[in-house]
């Protein structure tokens, strides 16, 4: 069986795989460096915070 390797298709495939790997790495780095002082914006969390403040 003869395998024909098209250089252009191989380069395009490698670039696409490399792009996906880089994007996963960047998102992982961003997630690890995220600010832990963020304010939760969920309405349930906000309502529970108000209820706890009123009850205290």
Protein backbone atom coordinates (compact mmCIF):
# COMPACT_ATOMS: atom_id res chain seq x y z
CA UNK A 1 0.00 0.00 0.00
CA UNK A 2 1.36 3.39 -0.96
CA UNK A 3 1.02 6.38 1.35
CA UNK A 4 1.13 9.79 -0.27
CA UNK A 5 1.91 12.61 2.13
CA UNK A 6 0.75 15.99 0.96
CA UNK A 7 3.05 18.56 2.60
CA UNK A 8 0.47 21.38 2.49
CA UNK A 9 -2.24 19.29 4.19
CA UNK A 10 0.22 18.03 6.78
CA UNK A 11 1.32 21.58 7.62
CA UNK A 12 -2.29 22.76 7.86
CA UNK A 13 -3.14 19.85 10.18
CA UNK A 14 -0.15 20.52 12.43
CA UNK A 15 -0.94 24.22 12.63
CA UNK A 16 -4.55 23.52 13.59
CA UNK A 17 -3.54 21.02 16.29
CA UNK A 18 -0.91 23.42 17.61
CA UNK A 19 -3.48 26.23 17.74
CA UNK A 20 -5.86 24.11 19.82
CA UNK A 21 -3.07 23.13 22.22
CA UNK A 22 -1.98 26.76 22.63
CA UNK A 23 -5.56 27.89 23.29
CA UNK A 24 -6.02 25.23 25.99
CA UNK A 25 -2.75 26.26 27.63
CA UNK A 26 -3.66 29.95 27.56
CA UNK A 27 -7.09 29.34 29.08
CA UNK A 28 -5.52 27.23 31.80
CA UNK A 29 -3.02 29.99 32.61
CA UNK A 30 -5.76 32.62 32.66
CA UNK A 31 -7.89 30.45 34.93
CA UNK A 32 -4.99 29.93 37.35
CA UNK A 33 -4.18 33.65 37.44
CA UNK A 34 -7.77 34.78 37.92
CA UNK A 35 -8.54 37.27 40.64
CA UNK A 36 -10.02 35.58 43.73
CA UNK A 37 -11.53 38.86 44.93
CA UNK A 38 -14.32 38.65 42.38
CA UNK A 39 -17.84 39.54 43.43
CA UNK A 40 -20.48 36.84 42.92
CA UNK A 41 -23.32 38.19 40.81
CA UNK A 42 -25.87 35.42 41.17
CA UNK A 43 -29.24 36.66 42.41
CA UNK A 44 -29.52 33.77 44.89
CA UNK A 45 -26.19 34.64 46.45
CA UNK A 46 -27.14 38.31 46.60
CA UNK A 47 -30.52 37.57 48.18
CA UNK A 48 -28.97 35.21 50.74
CA UNK A 49 -26.40 37.86 51.64
CA UNK A 50 -29.15 40.45 52.19
CA UNK A 51 -31.18 37.98 54.26
CA UNK A 52 -28.17 37.12 56.41
CA UNK A 53 -27.40 40.82 56.93
CA UNK A 54 -30.98 41.57 57.95
CA UNK A 55 -31.11 38.59 60.35
CA UNK A 56 -27.83 39.56 62.04
